[in-house]
Amino acid sequence: MERELPPGLTLTADPLRLRQALVNLLDNARAAGGRVLVVAEREPDSVMVHVCDDGPGIPDDIRASLFQPFISRSPGGTGLGLAIVAKVMAAHNGSVLLSERPSWSTCFSLRFPA
């Protein structure tokens, strides 16, 4: 796993819920195969955490419903991981979205208000 975490960057969040969201995203990224990247960065009004992989990407037919329960691209997956991530982010007044990052096929970005 590759990491880009700036020293001194802090984030206000429930540590157990944040861990749950990150574990769900990392498990999905690892299941996709290949490399995994975690990047954290400060923006003027938020802290962003990106979890990316270079697996096969998200099929077009499930992109619109990714954060709904029971939607899965993994054989044997429950389809609850991303729904839980979305609930965790909503509880933090933040958001999660499928984003793009050059040379990575799938990136999920968590936005926490500053």
PDB file of N, CA and C in Angstrom:
ATOM      1  N   MET A   1       0.853  -1.175   0.000  1.00  0.00           N
ATOM      2  CA  MET A   1       0.000   0.000   0.000  1.00  0.00           C
ATOM      3  C   MET A   1       0.896   1.235   0.000  1.00  0.00           C
ATOM      4  N   GLU A   2       0.552   2.161  -0.861  1.00  0.00           N
ATOM      5  CA  GLU A   2       1.256   3.429  -0.929  1.00  0.00           C
ATOM      6  C   GLU A   2       0.495   4.458  -0.101  1.00  0.00           C
ATOM      7  N   ARG A   3       1.238   5.364   0.558  1.00  0.00           N
ATOM      8  CA  ARG A   3       0.600   6.386   1.391  1.00  0.00           C
ATOM      9  C   ARG A   3       1.231   7.737   1.141  1.00  0.00           C
ATOM     10  N   GLU A   4       0.376   8.740   1.118  1.00  0.00           N
ATOM     11  CA  GLU A   4       0.814  10.128   1.072  1.00  0.00           C
ATOM     12  C   GLU A   4       0.057  10.856   2.172  1.00  0.00           C
ATOM     13  N   LEU A   5       0.671  10.930   3.348  1.00  0.00           N
ATOM     14  CA  LEU A   5       0.035  11.525   4.513  1.00  0.00           C
ATOM     15  C   LEU A   5       0.921  12.651   5.022  1.00  0.00           C
ATOM     16  N   PRO A   6       0.489  13.889   4.871  1.00  0.00           N
ATOM     17  CA  PRO A   6       1.330  15.001   5.303  1.00  0.00           C
ATOM     18  C   PRO A   6       1.484  15.018   6.822  1.00  0.00           C
ATOM     19  N   PRO A   7       2.689  15.289   7.307  1.00  0.00           N
ATOM     20  CA  PRO A   7       2.894  15.355   8.749  1.00  0.00           C
ATOM     21  C   PRO A   7       2.079  16.502   9.348  1.00  0.00           C
ATOM     22  N   GLY A   8       1.524  16.248  10.517  1.00  0.00           N
ATOM     23  CA  GLY A   8       0.788  17.290  11.218  1.00  0.00           C
ATOM     24  C   GLY A   8      -0.649  17.474  10.779  1.00  0.00           C
ATOM     25  N   LEU A   9      -1.102  16.744   9.784  1.00  0.00           N
ATOM     26  CA  LEU A   9      -2.497  16.860   9.349  1.00  0.00           C
ATOM     27  C   LEU A   9      -3.388  16.200  10.390  1.00  0.00           C
ATOM     28  N   THR A  10      -4.376  16.930  10.868  1.00  0.00           N
ATOM     29  CA  THR A  10      -5.300  16.378  11.856  1.00  0.00           C
ATOM     30  C   THR A  10      -6.709  16.355  11.289  1.00  0.00           C
ATOM     31  N   LEU A  11      -7.512  15.508  11.894  1.00  0.00           N
ATOM     32  CA  LEU A  11      -8.870  15.293  11.436  1.00  0.00           C
ATOM     33  C   LEU A  11      -9.737  15.075  12.666  1.00  0.00           C
ATOM     34  N   THR A  12     -10.865  15.759  12.733  1.00  0.00           N
ATOM     35  CA  THR A  12     -11.791  15.573  13.846  1.00  0.00           C
ATOM     36  C   THR A  12     -12.854  14.574  13.407  1.00  0.00           C
ATOM     37  N   ALA A  13     -12.825  13.394  14.037  1.00  0.00           N
ATOM     38  CA  ALA A  13     -13.778  12.346  13.674  1.00  0.00           C
ATOM     39  C   ALA A  13     -13.840  11.324  14.796  1.00  0.00           C
ATOM     40  N   ASP A  14     -14.939  10.597  14.845  1.00  0.00           N
ATOM     41  CA  ASP A  14     -15.067   9.480  15.771  1.00  0.00           C
ATOM     42  C   ASP A  14     -14.087   8.405  15.297  1.00  0.00           C
ATOM     43  N   PRO A  15     -13.088   8.070  16.098  1.00  0.00           N
ATOM     44  CA  PRO A  15     -12.056   7.145  15.615  1.00  0.00           C
ATOM     45  C   PRO A  15     -12.579   5.769  15.230  1.00  0.00           C
ATOM     46  N   LEU A  16     -13.556   5.254  15.953  1.00  0.00           N
ATOM     47  CA  LEU A  16     -14.087   3.927  15.615  1.00  0.00           C
ATOM     48  C   LEU A  16     -14.855   3.947  14.294  1.00  0.00           C
ATOM     49  N   ARG A  17     -15.668   4.973  14.102  1.00  0.00           N
ATOM     50  CA  ARG A  17     -16.433   5.071  12.855  1.00  0.00           C
ATOM     51  C   ARG A  17     -15.504   5.354  11.666  1.00  0.00           C
ATOM     52  N   LEU A  18     -14.502   6.213  11.873  1.00  0.00           N
ATOM     53  CA  LEU A  18     -13.534   6.496  10.807  1.00  0.00           C
ATOM     54  C   LEU A  18     -12.790   5.227  10.429  1.00  0.00           C
ATOM     55  N   ARG A  19     -12.372   4.480  11.423  1.00  0.00           N
ATOM     56  CA  ARG A  19     -11.679   3.215  11.151  1.00  0.00           C
ATOM     57  C   ARG A  19     -12.577   2.278  10.349  1.00  0.00           C
ATOM     58  N   GLN A  20     -13.848   2.199  10.733  1.00  0.00           N
ATOM     59  CA  GLN A  20     -14.796   1.333  10.030  1.00  0.00           C
ATOM     60  C   GLN A  20     -14.904   1.735   8.553  1.00  0.00           C
ATOM     61  N   ALA A  21     -15.017   3.021   8.287  1.00  0.00           N
ATOM     62  CA  ALA A  21     -15.122   3.496   6.903  1.00  0.00           C
ATOM     63  C   ALA A  21     -13.846   3.182   6.123  1.00  0.00           C
ATOM     64  N   LEU A  22     -12.694   3.457   6.731  1.00  0.00           N
ATOM     65  CA  LEU A  22     -11.432   3.218   6.028  1.00  0.00           C
ATOM     66  C   LEU A  22     -11.192   1.730   5.797  1.00  0.00           C
ATOM     67  N   VAL A  23     -11.513   0.901   6.772  1.00  0.00           N
ATOM     68  CA  VAL A  23     -11.351  -0.549   6.591  1.00  0.00           C
ATOM     69  C   VAL A  23     -12.237  -1.039   5.447  1.00  0.00           C
ATOM     70  N   ASN A  24     -13.474  -0.554   5.379  1.00  0.00           N
ATOM     71  CA  ASN A  24     -14.353  -0.956   4.277  1.00  0.00           C
ATOM     72  C   ASN A  24     -13.761  -0.571   2.927  1.00  0.00           C
ATOM     73  N   LEU A  25     -13.262   0.666   2.819  1.00  0.00           N
ATOM     74  CA  LEU A  25     -12.676   1.116   1.547  1.00  0.00           C
ATOM     75  C   LEU A  25     -11.395   0.349   1.217  1.00  0.00           C
ATOM     76  N   LEU A  26     -10.553   0.125   2.210  1.00  0.00           N
ATOM     77  CA  LEU A  26      -9.303  -0.609   1.972  1.00  0.00           C
ATOM     78  C   LEU A  26      -9.577  -2.071   1.622  1.00  0.00           C
ATOM     79  N   ASP A  27     -10.547  -2.686   2.279  1.00  0.00           N
ATOM     80  CA  ASP A  27     -10.899  -4.071   1.932  1.00  0.00           C
ATOM     81  C   ASP A  27     -11.366  -4.158   0.482  1.00  0.00           C
ATOM     82  N   ASN A  28     -12.204  -3.212   0.062  1.00  0.00           N
ATOM     83  CA  ASN A  28     -12.665  -3.191  -1.329  1.00  0.00           C
ATOM     84  C   ASN A  28     -11.499  -3.004  -2.289  1.00  0.00           C
ATOM     85  N   ALA A  29     -10.604  -2.079  -1.955  1.00  0.00           N
ATOM     86  CA  ALA A  29      -9.464  -1.796  -2.829  1.00  0.00           C
ATOM     87  C   ALA A  29      -8.551  -3.016  -2.940  1.00  0.00           C
ATOM     88  N   ARG A  30      -8.294  -3.669  -1.821  1.00  0.00           N
ATOM     89  CA  ARG A  30      -7.430  -4.858  -1.839  1.00  0.00           C
ATOM     90  C   ARG A  30      -8.086  -5.994  -2.616  1.00  0.00           C
ATOM     91  N   ALA A  31      -9.406  -6.135  -2.475  1.00  0.00           N
ATOM     92  CA  ALA A  31     -10.117  -7.195  -3.192  1.00  0.00           C
ATOM     93  C   ALA A  31     -10.068  -6.977  -4.698  1.00  0.00           C
ATOM     94  N   ALA A  32      -9.944  -5.717  -5.121  1.00  0.00           N
ATOM     95  CA  ALA A  32      -9.867  -5.406  -6.550  1.00  0.00           C
ATOM     96  C   ALA A  32      -8.528  -5.846  -7.137  1.00  0.00           C
ATOM     97  N   GLY A  33      -7.548  -6.086  -6.285  1.00  0.00           N
ATOM     98  CA  GLY A  33      -6.234  -6.519  -6.744  1.00  0.00           C
ATOM     99  C   GLY A  33      -5.361  -5.337  -7.109  1.00  0.00           C
ATOM    100  N   GLY A  34      -4.097  -5.591  -7.261  1.00  0.00           N
ATOM    101  CA  GLY A  34      -3.174  -4.539  -7.668  1.00  0.00           C
ATOM    102  C   GLY A  34      -2.754  -3.630  -6.523  1.00  0.00           C
ATOM    103  N   ARG A  35      -2.389  -2.417  -6.898  1.00  0.00           N
ATOM    104  CA  ARG A  35      -1.878  -1.448  -5.925  1.00  0.00           C
ATOM    105  C   ARG A  35      -3.018  -0.703  -5.243  1.00  0.00           C
ATOM    106  N   VAL A  36      -2.723  -0.205  -4.028  1.00  0.00           N
ATOM    107  CA  VAL A  36      -3.666   0.604  -3.257  1.00  0.00           C
ATOM    108  C   VAL A  36      -2.931   1.868  -2.817  1.00  0.00           C
ATOM    109  N   LEU A  37      -3.633   2.991  -2.894  1.00  0.00           N
ATOM    110  CA  LEU A  37      -3.067   4.284  -2.504  1.00  0.00           C
ATOM    111  C   LEU A  37      -4.007   4.957  -1.513  1.00  0.00           C
ATOM    112  N   VAL A  38      -3.431   5.522  -0.447  1.00  0.00           N
ATOM    113  CA  VAL A  38      -4.183   6.354   0.493  1.00  0.00           C
ATOM    114  C   VAL A  38      -3.500   7.709   0.529  1.00  0.00           C
ATOM    115  N   VAL A  39      -4.284   8.754   0.266  1.00  0.00           N
ATOM    116  CA  VAL A  39      -3.773  10.125   0.258  1.00  0.00           C
ATOM    117  C   VAL A  39      -4.658  10.965   1.171  1.00  0.00           C
ATOM    118  N   ALA A  40      -4.030  11.765   2.019  1.00  0.00           N
ATOM    119  CA  ALA A  40      -4.781  12.724   2.833  1.00  0.00           C
ATOM    120  C   ALA A  40      -4.233  14.102   2.512  1.00  0.00           C
ATOM    121  N   GLU A  41      -5.129  15.083   2.447  1.00  0.00           N
ATOM    122  CA  GLU A  41      -4.703  16.440   2.136  1.00  0.00           C
ATOM    123  C   GLU A  41      -5.669  17.459   2.712  1.00  0.00           C
ATOM    124  N   ARG A  42      -5.125  18.604   3.061  1.00  0.00           N
ATOM    125  CA  ARG A  42      -5.954  19.697   3.564  1.00  0.00           C
ATOM    126  C   ARG A  42      -6.347  20.573   2.396  1.00  0.00           C
ATOM    127  N   GLU A  43      -7.627  20.928   2.361  1.00  0.00           N
ATOM    128  CA  GLU A  43      -8.130  21.908   1.408  1.00  0.00           C
ATOM    129  C   GLU A  43      -8.616  23.094   2.228  1.00  0.00           C
ATOM    130  N   PRO A  44      -8.925  24.215   1.606  1.00  0.00           N
ATOM    131  CA  PRO A  44      -9.298  25.401   2.390  1.00  0.00           C
ATOM    132  C   PRO A  44     -10.443  25.175   3.385  1.00  0.00           C
ATOM    133  N   ASP A  45     -11.428  24.368   3.013  1.00  0.00           N
ATOM    134  CA  ASP A  45     -12.584  24.189   3.898  1.00  0.00           C
ATOM    135  C   ASP A  45     -12.814  22.747   4.322  1.00  0.00           C
ATOM    136  N   SER A  46     -11.826  21.873   4.101  1.00  0.00           N
ATOM    137  CA  SER A  46     -12.035  20.464   4.422  1.00  0.00           C
ATOM    138  C   SER A  46     -10.714  19.706   4.495  1.00  0.00           C
ATOM    139  N   VAL A  47     -10.824  18.489   4.987  1.00  0.00           N
ATOM    140  CA  VAL A  47      -9.737  17.517   4.905  1.00  0.00           C
ATOM    141  C   VAL A  47     -10.247  16.401   4.004  1.00  0.00           C
ATOM    142  N   MET A  48      -9.449  16.045   3.020  1.00  0.00           N
ATOM    143  CA  MET A  48      -9.814  15.004   2.070  1.00  0.00           C
ATOM    144  C   MET A  48      -8.959  13.765   2.318  1.00  0.00           C
ATOM    145  N   VAL A  49      -9.597  12.606   2.272  1.00  0.00           N
ATOM    146  CA  VAL A  49      -8.891  11.332   2.340  1.00  0.00           C
ATOM    147  C   VAL A  49      -9.328  10.537   1.112  1.00  0.00           C
ATOM    148  N   HIS A  50      -8.363  10.137   0.303  1.00  0.00           N
ATOM    149  CA  HIS A  50      -8.644   9.401  -0.932  1.00  0.00           C
ATOM    150  C   HIS A  50      -8.106   7.975  -0.788  1.00  0.00           C
ATOM    151  N   VAL A  51      -8.923   7.000  -1.148  1.00  0.00           N
ATOM    152  CA  VAL A  51      -8.501   5.608  -1.178  1.00  0.00           C
ATOM    153  C   VAL A  51      -8.690   5.137  -2.610  1.00  0.00           C
ATOM    154  N   CYS A  52      -7.578   4.754  -3.237  1.00  0.00           N
ATOM    155  CA  CYS A  52      -7.599   4.415  -4.667  1.00  0.00           C
ATOM    156  C   CYS A  52      -7.010   3.026  -4.901  1.00  0.00           C
ATOM    157  N   ASP A  53      -7.431   2.413  -5.998  1.00  0.00           N
ATOM    158  CA  ASP A  53      -6.818   1.158  -6.420  1.00  0.00           C
ATOM    159  C   ASP A  53      -6.690   1.154  -7.934  1.00  0.00           C
ATOM    160  N   ASP A  54      -5.878   0.237  -8.432  1.00  0.00           N
ATOM    161  CA  ASP A  54      -5.717   0.125  -9.879  1.00  0.00           C
ATOM    162  C   ASP A  54      -6.280  -1.189 -10.400  1.00  0.00           C
ATOM    163  N   GLY A  55      -7.375  -1.622  -9.768  1.00  0.00           N
ATOM    164  CA  GLY A  55      -8.073  -2.836 -10.201  1.00  0.00           C
ATOM    165  C   GLY A  55      -8.910  -2.582 -11.443  1.00  0.00           C
ATOM    166  N   PRO A  56      -9.945  -3.376 -11.657  1.00  0.00           N
ATOM    167  CA  PRO A  56     -10.727  -3.283 -12.882  1.00  0.00           C
ATOM    168  C   PRO A  56     -11.667  -2.089 -12.968  1.00  0.00           C
ATOM    169  N   GLY A  57     -11.845  -1.351 -11.886  1.00  0.00           N
ATOM    170  CA  GLY A  57     -12.740  -0.193 -11.914  1.00  0.00           C
ATOM    171  C   GLY A  57     -14.165  -0.573 -11.549  1.00  0.00           C
ATOM    172  N   ILE A  58     -15.013   0.429 -11.490  1.00  0.00           N
ATOM    173  CA  ILE A  58     -16.415   0.237 -11.115  1.00  0.00           C
ATOM    174  C   ILE A  58     -17.241   0.100 -12.393  1.00  0.00           C
ATOM    175  N   PRO A  59     -18.011  -0.965 -12.519  1.00  0.00           N
ATOM    176  CA  PRO A  59     -18.852  -1.119 -13.713  1.00  0.00           C
ATOM    177  C   PRO A  59     -19.856   0.031 -13.832  1.00  0.00           C
ATOM    178  N   ASP A  60     -20.069   0.477 -15.037  1.00  0.00           N
ATOM    179  CA  ASP A  60     -20.988   1.598 -15.288  1.00  0.00           C
ATOM    180  C   ASP A  60     -22.391   1.331 -14.748  1.00  0.00           C
ATOM    181  N   ASP A  61     -22.837   0.088 -14.793  1.00  0.00           N
ATOM    182  CA  ASP A  61     -24.216  -0.205 -14.405  1.00  0.00           C
ATOM    183  C   ASP A  61     -24.486  -0.084 -12.905  1.00  0.00           C
ATOM    184  N   ILE A  62     -23.454   0.016 -12.069  1.00  0.00           N
ATOM    185  CA  ILE A  62     -23.708   0.189 -10.634  1.00  0.00           C
ATOM    186  C   ILE A  62     -23.211   1.531 -10.091  1.00  0.00           C
ATOM    187  N   ARG A  63     -22.621   2.351 -10.924  1.00  0.00           N
ATOM    188  CA  ARG A  63     -22.071   3.630 -10.447  1.00  0.00           C
ATOM    189  C   ARG A  63     -23.122   4.517  -9.778  1.00  0.00           C
ATOM    190  N   ALA A  64     -24.310   4.590 -10.324  1.00  0.00           N
ATOM    191  CA  ALA A  64     -25.342   5.478  -9.786  1.00  0.00           C
ATOM    192  C   ALA A  64     -25.885   4.998  -8.443  1.00  0.00           C
ATOM    193  N   SER A  65     -25.712   3.716  -8.134  1.00  0.00           N
ATOM    194  CA  SER A  65     -26.283   3.174  -6.899  1.00  0.00           C
ATOM    195  C   SER A  65     -25.220   2.639  -5.937  1.00  0.00           C
ATOM    196  N   LEU A  66     -23.986   3.046  -6.104  1.00  0.00           N
ATOM    197  CA  LEU A  66     -22.872   2.520  -5.313  1.00  0.00           C
ATOM    198  C   LEU A  66     -23.071   2.592  -3.805  1.00  0.00           C
ATOM    199  N   PHE A  67     -23.665   3.658  -3.310  1.00  0.00           N
ATOM    200  CA  PHE A  67     -23.739   3.876  -1.869  1.00  0.00           C
ATOM    201  C   PHE A  67     -25.054   3.371  -1.264  1.00  0.00           C
ATOM    202  N   GLN A  68     -25.842   2.666  -2.063  1.00  0.00           N
ATOM    203  CA  GLN A  68     -27.070   2.049  -1.570  1.00  0.00           C
ATOM    204  C   GLN A  68     -26.732   0.658  -1.045  1.00  0.00           C
ATOM    205  N   PRO A  69     -27.458   0.201  -0.016  1.00  0.00           N
ATOM    206  CA  PRO A  69     -27.188  -1.144   0.509  1.00  0.00           C
ATOM    207  C   PRO A  69     -27.412  -2.228  -0.540  1.00  0.00           C
ATOM    208  N   PHE A  70     -26.616  -3.270  -0.427  1.00  0.00           N
ATOM    209  CA  PHE A  70     -26.719  -4.499  -1.207  1.00  0.00           C
ATOM    210  C   PHE A  70     -26.325  -4.345  -2.667  1.00  0.00           C
ATOM    211  N   ILE A  71     -25.515  -3.320  -2.977  1.00  0.00           N
ATOM    212  CA  ILE A  71     -24.936  -3.170  -4.307  1.00  0.00           C
ATOM    213  C   ILE A  71     -23.476  -3.597  -4.197  1.00  0.00           C
ATOM    214  N   SER A  72     -23.068  -4.587  -4.957  1.00  0.00           N
ATOM    215  CA  SER A  72     -21.713  -5.108  -4.833  1.00  0.00           C
ATOM    216  C   SER A  72     -21.137  -5.457  -6.192  1.00  0.00           C
ATOM    217  N   ARG A  73     -19.834  -5.246  -6.325  1.00  0.00           N
ATOM    218  CA  ARG A  73     -19.132  -5.678  -7.529  1.00  0.00           C
ATOM    219  C   ARG A  73     -18.296  -6.912  -7.242  1.00  0.00           C
ATOM    220  N   SER A  74     -18.281  -7.331  -5.979  1.00  0.00           N
ATOM    221  CA  SER A  74     -17.454  -8.459  -5.566  1.00  0.00           C
ATOM    222  C   SER A  74     -18.287  -9.715  -5.389  1.00  0.00           C
ATOM    223  N   PRO A  75     -17.844 -10.817  -5.967  1.00  0.00           N
ATOM    224  CA  PRO A  75     -18.542 -12.081  -5.736  1.00  0.00           C
ATOM    225  C   PRO A  75     -18.524 -12.396  -4.236  1.00  0.00           C
ATOM    226  N   GLY A  76     -19.678 -12.691  -3.683  1.00  0.00           N
ATOM    227  CA  GLY A  76     -19.751 -13.001  -2.262  1.00  0.00           C
ATOM    228  C   GLY A  76     -19.802 -11.781  -1.364  1.00  0.00           C
ATOM    229  N   GLY A  77     -19.718 -10.570  -1.937  1.00  0.00           N
ATOM    230  CA  GLY A  77     -19.791  -9.355  -1.132  1.00  0.00           C
ATOM    231  C   GLY A  77     -21.216  -9.085  -0.675  1.00  0.00           C
ATOM    232  N   THR A  78     -21.359  -8.427   0.479  1.00  0.00           N
ATOM    233  CA  THR A  78     -22.694  -8.139   0.998  1.00  0.00           C
ATOM    234  C   THR A  78     -23.291  -6.885   0.380  1.00  0.00           C
ATOM    235  N   GLY A  79     -22.450  -6.015  -0.148  1.00  0.00           N
ATOM    236  CA  GLY A  79     -22.949  -4.764  -0.692  1.00  0.00           C
ATOM    237  C   GLY A  79     -23.272  -3.742   0.388  1.00  0.00           C
ATOM    238  N   LEU A  80     -22.726  -3.935   1.586  1.00  0.00           N
ATOM    239  CA  LEU A  80     -22.987  -2.997   2.675  1.00  0.00           C
ATOM    240  C   LEU A  80     -21.812  -2.061   2.946  1.00  0.00           C
ATOM    241  N   GLY A  81     -20.621  -2.393   2.474  1.00  0.00           N
ATOM    242  CA  GLY A  81     -19.428  -1.605   2.787  1.00  0.00           C
ATOM    243  C   GLY A  81     -19.538  -0.140   2.423  1.00  0.00           C
ATOM    244  N   LEU A  82     -19.894   0.165   1.187  1.00  0.00           N
ATOM    245  CA  LEU A  82     -19.978   1.566   0.760  1.00  0.00           C
ATOM    246  C   LEU A  82     -21.175   2.274   1.368  1.00  0.00           C
ATOM    247  N   ALA A  83     -22.262   1.544   1.635  1.00  0.00           N
ATOM    248  CA  ALA A  83     -23.411   2.152   2.310  1.00  0.00           C
ATOM    249  C   ALA A  83     -23.022   2.579   3.721  1.00  0.00           C
ATOM    250  N   ILE A  84     -22.226   1.761   4.391  1.00  0.00           N
ATOM    251  CA  ILE A  84     -21.743   2.110   5.733  1.00  0.00           C
ATOM    252  C   ILE A  84     -20.817   3.311   5.658  1.00  0.00           C
ATOM    253  N   VAL A  85     -19.935   3.344   4.672  1.00  0.00           N
ATOM    254  CA  VAL A  85     -19.040   4.502   4.504  1.00  0.00           C
ATOM    255  C   VAL A  85     -19.864   5.774   4.330  1.00  0.00           C
ATOM    256  N   ALA A  86     -20.900   5.719   3.516  1.00  0.00           N
ATOM    257  CA  ALA A  86     -21.749   6.897   3.291  1.00  0.00           C
ATOM    258  C   ALA A  86     -22.426   7.342   4.592  1.00  0.00           C
ATOM    259  N   LYS A  87     -22.888   6.395   5.402  1.00  0.00           N
ATOM    260  CA  LYS A  87     -23.526   6.746   6.684  1.00  0.00           C
ATOM    261  C   LYS A  87     -22.524   7.356   7.652  1.00  0.00           C
ATOM    262  N   VAL A  88     -21.329   6.810   7.697  1.00  0.00           N
ATOM    263  CA  VAL A  88     -20.280   7.361   8.561  1.00  0.00           C
ATOM    264  C   VAL A  88     -19.972   8.802   8.159  1.00  0.00           C
ATOM    265  N   MET A  89     -19.859   9.028   6.864  1.00  0.00           N
ATOM    266  CA  MET A  89     -19.534  10.380   6.405  1.00  0.00           C
ATOM    267  C   MET A  89     -20.679  11.351   6.675  1.00  0.00           C
ATOM    268  N   ALA A  90     -21.915  10.909   6.496  1.00  0.00           N
ATOM    269  CA  ALA A  90     -23.064  11.764   6.788  1.00  0.00           C
ATOM    270  C   ALA A  90     -23.089  12.123   8.273  1.00  0.00           C
ATOM    271  N   ALA A  91     -22.743  11.167   9.145  1.00  0.00           N
ATOM    272  CA  ALA A  91     -22.707  11.432  10.587  1.00  0.00           C
ATOM    273  C   ALA A  91     -21.636  12.455  10.955  1.00  0.00           C
ATOM    274  N   HIS A  92     -20.631  12.612  10.094  1.00  0.00           N
ATOM    275  CA  HIS A  92     -19.559  13.590  10.315  1.00  0.00           C
ATOM    276  C   HIS A  92     -19.793  14.884   9.518  1.00  0.00           C
ATOM    277  N   ASN A  93     -20.992  15.046   8.989  1.00  0.00           N
ATOM    278  CA  ASN A  93     -21.310  16.199   8.130  1.00  0.00           C
ATOM    279  C   ASN A  93     -20.364  16.294   6.937  1.00  0.00           C
ATOM    280  N   GLY A  94     -19.925  15.153   6.486  1.00  0.00           N
ATOM    281  CA  GLY A  94     -19.021  15.089   5.342  1.00  0.00           C
ATOM    282  C   GLY A  94     -19.691  14.371   4.181  1.00  0.00           C
ATOM    283  N   SER A  95     -18.866  13.898   3.260  1.00  0.00           N
ATOM    284  CA  SER A  95     -19.399  13.197   2.098  1.00  0.00           C
ATOM    285  C   SER A  95     -18.381  12.203   1.569  1.00  0.00           C
ATOM    286  N   VAL A  96     -18.864  11.276   0.771  1.00  0.00           N
ATOM    287  CA  VAL A  96     -18.017  10.327   0.058  1.00  0.00           C
ATOM    288  C   VAL A  96     -18.468  10.330  -1.387  1.00  0.00           C
ATOM    289  N   LEU A  97     -17.500  10.253  -2.285  1.00  0.00           N
ATOM    290  CA  LEU A  97     -17.851  10.187  -3.697  1.00  0.00           C
ATOM    291  C   LEU A  97     -16.831   9.378  -4.463  1.00  0.00           C
ATOM    292  N   LEU A  98     -17.283   8.825  -5.550  1.00  0.00           N
ATOM    293  CA  LEU A  98     -16.398   8.154  -6.482  1.00  0.00           C
ATOM    294  C   LEU A  98     -15.710   9.254  -7.260  1.00  0.00           C
ATOM    295  N   SER A  99     -14.386   9.279  -7.221  1.00  0.00           N
ATOM    296  CA  SER A  99     -13.647  10.364  -7.862  1.00  0.00           C
ATOM    297  C   SER A  99     -12.615   9.789  -8.818  1.00  0.00           C
ATOM    298  N   GLU A 100     -11.838  10.661  -9.409  1.00  0.00           N
ATOM    299  CA  GLU A 100     -10.809  10.240 -10.355  1.00  0.00           C
ATOM    300  C   GLU A 100      -9.458  10.770  -9.919  1.00  0.00           C
ATOM    301  N   ARG A 101      -8.439   9.977 -10.174  1.00  0.00           N
ATOM    302  CA  ARG A 101      -7.062  10.366  -9.902  1.00  0.00           C
ATOM    303  C   ARG A 101      -6.231   9.738 -11.009  1.00  0.00           C
ATOM    304  N   PRO A 102      -5.384  10.518 -11.665  1.00  0.00           N
ATOM    305  CA  PRO A 102      -4.592   9.968 -12.767  1.00  0.00           C
ATOM    306  C   PRO A 102      -3.837   8.701 -12.365  1.00  0.00           C
ATOM    307  N   SER A 103      -3.872   7.716 -13.218  1.00  0.00           N
ATOM    308  CA  SER A 103      -3.219   6.409 -13.127  1.00  0.00           C
ATOM    309  C   SER A 103      -3.877   5.448 -12.127  1.00  0.00           C
ATOM    310  N   TRP A 104      -5.035   5.797 -11.599  1.00  0.00           N
ATOM    311  CA  TRP A 104      -5.772   4.905 -10.702  1.00  0.00           C
ATOM    312  C   TRP A 104      -7.157   4.666 -11.299  1.00  0.00           C
ATOM    313  N   SER A 105      -7.614   3.423 -11.286  1.00  0.00           N
ATOM    314  CA  SER A 105      -8.901   3.114 -11.906  1.00  0.00           C
ATOM    315  C   SER A 105     -10.088   3.453 -11.011  1.00  0.00           C
ATOM    316  N   THR A 106      -9.916   3.332  -9.704  1.00  0.00           N
ATOM    317  CA  THR A 106     -11.005   3.606  -8.770  1.00  0.00           C
ATOM    318  C   THR A 106     -10.486   4.428  -7.607  1.00  0.00           C
ATOM    319  N   CYS A 107     -11.157   5.518  -7.287  1.00  0.00           N
ATOM    320  CA  CYS A 107     -10.818   6.330  -6.115  1.00  0.00           C
ATOM    321  C   CYS A 107     -12.103   6.733  -5.405  1.00  0.00           C
ATOM    322  N   PHE A 108     -12.109   6.559  -4.109  1.00  0.00           N
ATOM    323  CA  PHE A 108     -13.184   7.084  -3.279  1.00  0.00           C
ATOM    324  C   PHE A 108     -12.593   8.197  -2.445  1.00  0.00           C
ATOM    325  N   SER A 109     -13.271   9.326  -2.423  1.00  0.00           N
ATOM    326  CA  SER A 109     -12.801  10.489  -1.689  1.00  0.00           C
ATOM    327  C   SER A 109     -13.755  10.795  -0.550  1.00  0.00           C
ATOM    328  N   LEU A 110     -13.177  10.890   0.642  1.00  0.00           N
ATOM    329  CA  LEU A 110     -13.929  11.267   1.835  1.00  0.00           C
ATOM    330  C   LEU A 110     -13.630  12.738   2.114  1.00  0.00           C
ATOM    331  N   ARG A 111     -14.690  13.533   2.273  1.00  0.00           N
ATOM    332  CA  ARG A 111     -14.517  14.954   2.592  1.00  0.00           C
ATOM    333  C   ARG A 111     -15.051  15.206   3.986  1.00  0.00           C
ATOM    334  N   PHE A 112     -14.138  15.648   4.850  1.00  0.00           N
ATOM    335  CA  PHE A 112     -14.489  16.017   6.218  1.00  0.00           C
ATOM    336  C   PHE A 112     -14.440  17.530   6.322  1.00  0.00           C
ATOM    337  N   PRO A 113     -15.475  18.172   6.875  1.00  0.00           N
ATOM    338  CA  PRO A 113     -15.419  19.627   7.021  1.00  0.00           C
ATOM    339  C   PRO A 113     -14.288  20.017   7.977  1.00  0.00           C
ATOM    340  N   ALA A 114     -13.662  21.138   7.685  1.00  0.00           N
ATOM    341  CA  ALA A 114     -12.541  21.600   8.532  1.00  0.00           C
ATOM    342  C   ALA A 114     -13.055  22.244   9.790  1.00  0.00           C
TER     343      ALA A 114
END
